[in-house]
Each structure stands twice: as C-alpha cells, then as structure tokens.
Amino acid sequence: MTAALNTDRLVSDLKRIVEHSEELLHATKDAVGDKASEVRERLTDALDAAKRTCHRLEEKALDSAKAADKTIRDHPYQ
C-alpha cells in the first residue's frame, strides 16, 4: 500500500504544482521582454511534461489496482 499512497501523493502534488504554475502564467501574461517570453515558454513546456507524467502515473495506479483486484478474485484468501 505504501507505493499506492506515494503515487497518490505524487499525483496530488503534481496537480497542485500545475495549478499554481498555470496561475502564475496567467498572472504574468502581460509581462514583456525576451527573458519573460523565454521563461513563460520553458514553464509551459514543463507544465505539459508534468501533465503527461501525472496522467501516466494515474493510469499506472489504476492498472495496478485492477491487477490486484483480479489477483484477489482469482485467488481469494481461504
């Protein structure tokens, strides 16, 4: 169960980071300059990567839960 709890916490943390980062992007949308544009682009790329990772972790956790459920149903505790 520890791995599942760690995965849930990681997914939750990633979602929170994505939300805060998106708020930051929105709040700084009017910032001008090459540096601001570069930072916003890098943050957008990092957010996209975090969203993909979060989605993969959620799918992996769901697949693991389904596999555990199948194993328990196939081999119930006697």
C-alpha atoms as a PDB file:
ATOM      1  CA  MET A   1       0.000   0.000   0.000  1.00  0.00           C
ATOM      2  CA  THR A   2       2.896   2.367   0.545  1.00  0.00           C
ATOM      3  CA  ALA A   3       3.621   2.591  -3.183  1.00  0.00           C
ATOM      4  CA  ALA A   4      -0.030   3.397  -3.921  1.00  0.00           C
ATOM      5  CA  LEU A   5      -0.089   6.090  -1.248  1.00  0.00           C
ATOM      6  CA  ASN A   6       3.163   7.561  -2.562  1.00  0.00           C
ATOM      7  CA  THR A   7       1.768   7.559  -6.106  1.00  0.00           C
ATOM      8  CA  ASP A   8      -1.436   9.258  -4.944  1.00  0.00           C
ATOM      9  CA  ARG A   9       0.555  11.886  -3.079  1.00  0.00           C
ATOM     10  CA  LEU A  10       2.854  12.465  -6.061  1.00  0.00           C
ATOM     11  CA  VAL A  11      -0.113  12.863  -8.404  1.00  0.00           C
ATOM     12  CA  SER A  12      -1.740  15.268  -5.953  1.00  0.00           C
ATOM     13  CA  ASP A  13       1.474  17.282  -5.622  1.00  0.00           C
ATOM     14  CA  LEU A  14       1.932  17.414  -9.397  1.00  0.00           C
ATOM     15  CA  LYS A  15      -1.625  18.635  -9.889  1.00  0.00           C
ATOM     16  CA  ARG A  16      -1.101  21.362  -7.287  1.00  0.00           C
ATOM     17  CA  ILE A  17       2.147  22.461  -8.961  1.00  0.00           C
ATOM     18  CA  VAL A  18       0.418  22.567 -12.341  1.00  0.00           C
ATOM     19  CA  GLU A  19      -2.441  24.655 -10.937  1.00  0.00           C
ATOM     20  CA  HIS A  20      -0.094  27.147  -9.266  1.00  0.00           C
ATOM     21  CA  SER A  21       2.093  27.373 -12.349  1.00  0.00           C
ATOM     22  CA  GLU A  22      -0.894  27.988 -14.595  1.00  0.00           C
ATOM     23  CA  GLU A  23      -1.994  30.765 -12.220  1.00  0.00           C
ATOM     24  CA  LEU A  24       1.492  32.249 -12.465  1.00  0.00           C
ATOM     25  CA  LEU A  25       1.409  32.098 -16.265  1.00  0.00           C
ATOM     26  CA  HIS A  26      -1.963  33.823 -16.283  1.00  0.00           C
ATOM     27  CA  ALA A  27      -0.829  36.500 -13.824  1.00  0.00           C
ATOM     28  CA  THR A  28       2.266  37.303 -15.905  1.00  0.00           C
ATOM     29  CA  LYS A  29       0.636  37.173 -19.334  1.00  0.00           C
ATOM     30  CA  ASP A  30       1.271  40.882 -19.855  1.00  0.00           C
ATOM     31  CA  ALA A  31       4.974  40.690 -18.952  1.00  0.00           C
ATOM     32  CA  VAL A  32       7.120  41.809 -21.864  1.00  0.00           C
ATOM     33  CA  GLY A  33      10.639  41.191 -22.936  1.00  0.00           C
ATOM     34  CA  ASP A  34      12.686  38.349 -24.337  1.00  0.00           C
ATOM     35  CA  LYS A  35      13.512  36.933 -20.902  1.00  0.00           C
ATOM     36  CA  ALA A  36       9.850  36.886 -19.815  1.00  0.00           C
ATOM     37  CA  SER A  37       8.845  35.166 -23.045  1.00  0.00           C
ATOM     38  CA  GLU A  38      11.622  32.603 -22.659  1.00  0.00           C
ATOM     39  CA  VAL A  39      10.664  31.825 -19.053  1.00  0.00           C
ATOM     40  CA  ARG A  40       6.981  31.537 -19.944  1.00  0.00           C
ATOM     41  CA  GLU A  41       7.799  29.170 -22.814  1.00  0.00           C
ATOM     42  CA  ARG A  42      10.003  26.994 -20.591  1.00  0.00           C
ATOM     43  CA  LEU A  43       7.339  26.923 -17.874  1.00  0.00           C
ATOM     44  CA  THR A  44       4.677  25.979 -20.425  1.00  0.00           C
ATOM     45  CA  ASP A  45       6.864  23.104 -21.664  1.00  0.00           C
ATOM     46  CA  ALA A  46       7.499  21.947 -18.090  1.00  0.00           C
ATOM     47  CA  LEU A  47       3.773  22.096 -17.327  1.00  0.00           C
ATOM     48  CA  ASP A  48       2.967  19.994 -20.381  1.00  0.00           C
ATOM     49  CA  ALA A  49       5.545  17.418 -19.292  1.00  0.00           C
ATOM     50  CA  ALA A  50       4.160  17.388 -15.735  1.00  0.00           C
ATOM     51  CA  LYS A  51       0.618  16.860 -17.025  1.00  0.00           C
ATOM     52  CA  ARG A  52       1.772  13.922 -19.169  1.00  0.00           C
ATOM     53  CA  THR A  53       3.641  12.409 -16.211  1.00  0.00           C
ATOM     54  CA  CYS A  54       0.636  12.858 -13.946  1.00  0.00           C
ATOM     55  CA  HIS A  55      -1.618  11.171 -16.496  1.00  0.00           C
ATOM     56  CA  ARG A  56       0.801   8.232 -16.852  1.00  0.00           C
ATOM     57  CA  LEU A  57       1.012   7.829 -13.062  1.00  0.00           C
ATOM     58  CA  GLU A  58      -2.771   7.833 -12.743  1.00  0.00           C
ATOM     59  CA  GLU A  59      -3.065   5.204 -15.486  1.00  0.00           C
ATOM     60  CA  LYS A  60      -0.341   3.079 -13.887  1.00  0.00           C
ATOM     61  CA  ALA A  61      -2.027   3.281 -10.471  1.00  0.00           C
ATOM     62  CA  LEU A  62      -5.366   2.290 -11.993  1.00  0.00           C
ATOM     63  CA  ASP A  63      -3.789  -0.618 -13.880  1.00  0.00           C
ATOM     64  CA  SER A  64      -2.104  -1.798 -10.677  1.00  0.00           C
ATOM     65  CA  ALA A  65      -5.374  -1.619  -8.746  1.00  0.00           C
ATOM     66  CA  LYS A  66      -7.141  -3.618 -11.455  1.00  0.00           C
ATOM     67  CA  ALA A  67      -4.371  -6.241 -11.439  1.00  0.00           C
ATOM     68  CA  ALA A  68      -4.530  -6.525  -7.644  1.00  0.00           C
ATOM     69  CA  ASP A  69      -8.318  -6.864  -7.770  1.00  0.00           C
ATOM     70  CA  LYS A  70      -8.075  -9.625 -10.401  1.00  0.00           C
ATOM     71  CA  THR A  71      -5.443 -11.491  -8.397  1.00  0.00           C
ATOM     72  CA  ILE A  72      -7.552 -11.321  -5.244  1.00  0.00           C
ATOM     73  CA  ARG A  73     -10.654 -12.518  -7.101  1.00  0.00           C
ATOM     74  CA  ASP A  74      -8.720 -15.346  -8.780  1.00  0.00           C
ATOM     75  CA  HIS A  75      -7.055 -16.400  -5.513  1.00  0.00           C
ATOM     76  CA  PRO A  76      -9.277 -15.401  -2.604  1.00  0.00           C
ATOM     77  CA  TYR A  77      -7.967 -15.830   0.900  1.00  0.00           C
ATOM     78  CA  GLN A  78      -9.035 -19.282   2.068  1.00  0.00           C
END
